[in-house]
Amino acid sequence: MSRPRPSANQQRLTRVIVTLPFVIVSSWILYKRLVLGEQQRTMPRPGQPGADQHVLGTSLSEEARRRARGGGGGGGDGERIEGMPEELAQKVREAERRARP
């Protein structure tokens, strides 16, 4: 048995629920760039330095490998992880501690 077609109000509500997060995030990003003067974030183009690296997974995984080898390299309880807010770095450290065998 097929479901009845949603009413006009249900369709409108669904449309608002789907589009509102996009509008809010886009507005926030534009506000930060245009009012606060934050630089536009871009991905490196092919041929530029760093274009062949995996942007999100590289730095933390390399740091975790260094620590596993016993080479130190930061990430200790009192040290900051480069380019990451302290609160987020603390959460990463806690997750890594729980994941260790």
Foldseek 3Di string as FASTA:
>chain_A
DDDDDDDPVVVVVVVCVVCVVVVVVVVVVCCCCPVVVDDDDDQDDPPDPPNPDDVPPPQVVVQVVCVVVVNPPDLPPPGDRPPDDPVVSVVVSVVVVVPDD
